[in-house]
Amino acid sequence: MHLPAAAVALKQGVGRLIRSECDVGAVAICDRRLLTRGYGEELLSGLPPMQRVQSRE
């Protein structure tokens, strides 16, 4: 999957999870490349504002 297609798919998936202010949900992205590769921040910056947690604790 190319980066633009991955960005669209990720944003659409998150958008389907939260559709109104009453909705709650969690997004788990278990791919370390989002933290270790240059394109990771680009993908994450396209998501709506949300709390981010980087550890399992």
C-alpha atoms as a PDB file:
ATOM      1  CA  MET A   1       0.000   0.000   0.000  1.00  0.00           C
ATOM      2  CA  HIS A   2       1.359   3.417  -0.882  1.00  0.00           C
ATOM      3  CA  LEU A   3       1.566   6.157   1.737  1.00  0.00           C
ATOM      4  CA  PRO A   4      -1.332   8.294   0.405  1.00  0.00           C
ATOM      5  CA  ALA A   5      -3.593   5.231   0.272  1.00  0.00           C
ATOM      6  CA  ALA A   6      -2.535   4.194   3.781  1.00  0.00           C
ATOM      7  CA  ALA A   7      -3.242   7.700   5.100  1.00  0.00           C
ATOM      8  CA  VAL A   8      -6.734   7.700   3.584  1.00  0.00           C
ATOM      9  CA  ALA A   9      -7.510   4.200   4.888  1.00  0.00           C
ATOM     10  CA  LEU A  10      -6.344   5.080   8.410  1.00  0.00           C
ATOM     11  CA  LYS A  11      -8.293   8.344   8.501  1.00  0.00           C
ATOM     12  CA  GLN A  12     -11.447   6.654   7.168  1.00  0.00           C
ATOM     13  CA  GLY A  13     -11.191   3.865   9.727  1.00  0.00           C
ATOM     14  CA  VAL A  14     -10.892   6.302  12.615  1.00  0.00           C
ATOM     15  CA  GLY A  15     -13.713   8.407  11.191  1.00  0.00           C
ATOM     16  CA  ARG A  16     -16.022   5.406  11.130  1.00  0.00           C
ATOM     17  CA  LEU A  17     -15.266   4.717  14.791  1.00  0.00           C
ATOM     18  CA  ILE A  18     -16.236   8.171  16.073  1.00  0.00           C
ATOM     19  CA  ARG A  19     -19.177   9.753  14.257  1.00  0.00           C
ATOM     20  CA  SER A  20     -20.719  11.946  16.964  1.00  0.00           C
ATOM     21  CA  GLU A  21     -19.715  13.626  20.221  1.00  0.00           C
ATOM     22  CA  CYS A  22     -21.478  10.846  22.155  1.00  0.00           C
ATOM     23  CA  ASP A  23     -19.408   8.059  20.582  1.00  0.00           C
ATOM     24  CA  VAL A  24     -16.414   6.558  22.352  1.00  0.00           C
ATOM     25  CA  GLY A  25     -13.819   4.190  21.000  1.00  0.00           C
ATOM     26  CA  ALA A  26     -10.201   3.163  20.941  1.00  0.00           C
ATOM     27  CA  VAL A  27      -7.777   2.894  18.066  1.00  0.00           C
ATOM     28  CA  ALA A  28      -4.834   0.532  18.517  1.00  0.00           C
ATOM     29  CA  ILE A  29      -2.062   0.780  15.956  1.00  0.00           C
ATOM     30  CA  CYS A  30       0.515  -1.877  16.750  1.00  0.00           C
ATOM     31  CA  ASP A  31       2.998  -1.036  14.032  1.00  0.00           C
ATOM     32  CA  ARG A  32       6.239   0.421  15.390  1.00  0.00           C
ATOM     33  CA  ARG A  33       7.000   1.963  12.007  1.00  0.00           C
ATOM     34  CA  LEU A  34       4.664   4.822  12.921  1.00  0.00           C
ATOM     35  CA  LEU A  35       7.204   5.755  15.601  1.00  0.00           C
ATOM     36  CA  THR A  36      10.423   4.775  13.849  1.00  0.00           C
ATOM     37  CA  ARG A  37       9.925   5.842  10.234  1.00  0.00           C
ATOM     38  CA  GLY A  38       9.722   9.339   8.834  1.00  0.00           C
ATOM     39  CA  TYR A  39       6.257   8.835   7.405  1.00  0.00           C
ATOM     40  CA  GLY A  40       4.759   7.850  10.770  1.00  0.00           C
ATOM     41  CA  GLU A  41       4.183  11.400  12.001  1.00  0.00           C
ATOM     42  CA  GLU A  42       2.663  12.312   8.642  1.00  0.00           C
ATOM     43  CA  LEU A  43       0.111   9.516   9.004  1.00  0.00           C
ATOM     44  CA  LEU A  44      -0.661  10.364  12.637  1.00  0.00           C
ATOM     45  CA  SER A  45      -1.002  14.089  11.972  1.00  0.00           C
ATOM     46  CA  GLY A  46      -3.897  13.379   9.600  1.00  0.00           C
ATOM     47  CA  LEU A  47      -5.993  11.918  12.416  1.00  0.00           C
ATOM     48  CA  PRO A  48      -8.484  13.927  14.461  1.00  0.00           C
ATOM     49  CA  PRO A  49      -7.362  15.170  17.894  1.00  0.00           C
ATOM     50  CA  MET A  50      -7.247  12.345  20.430  1.00  0.00           C
ATOM     51  CA  GLN A  51      -5.278  11.191  23.430  1.00  0.00           C
ATOM     52  CA  ARG A  52      -2.199   9.193  22.450  1.00  0.00           C
ATOM     53  CA  VAL A  53      -0.636   6.501  24.595  1.00  0.00           C
ATOM     54  CA  GLN A  54       2.624   4.845  23.618  1.00  0.00           C
ATOM     55  CA  SER A  55       2.952   2.214  26.341  1.00  0.00           C
ATOM     56  CA  ARG A  56       0.778  -0.620  27.540  1.00  0.00           C
ATOM     57  CA  GLU A  57       0.903   0.463  31.187  1.00  0.00           C
END
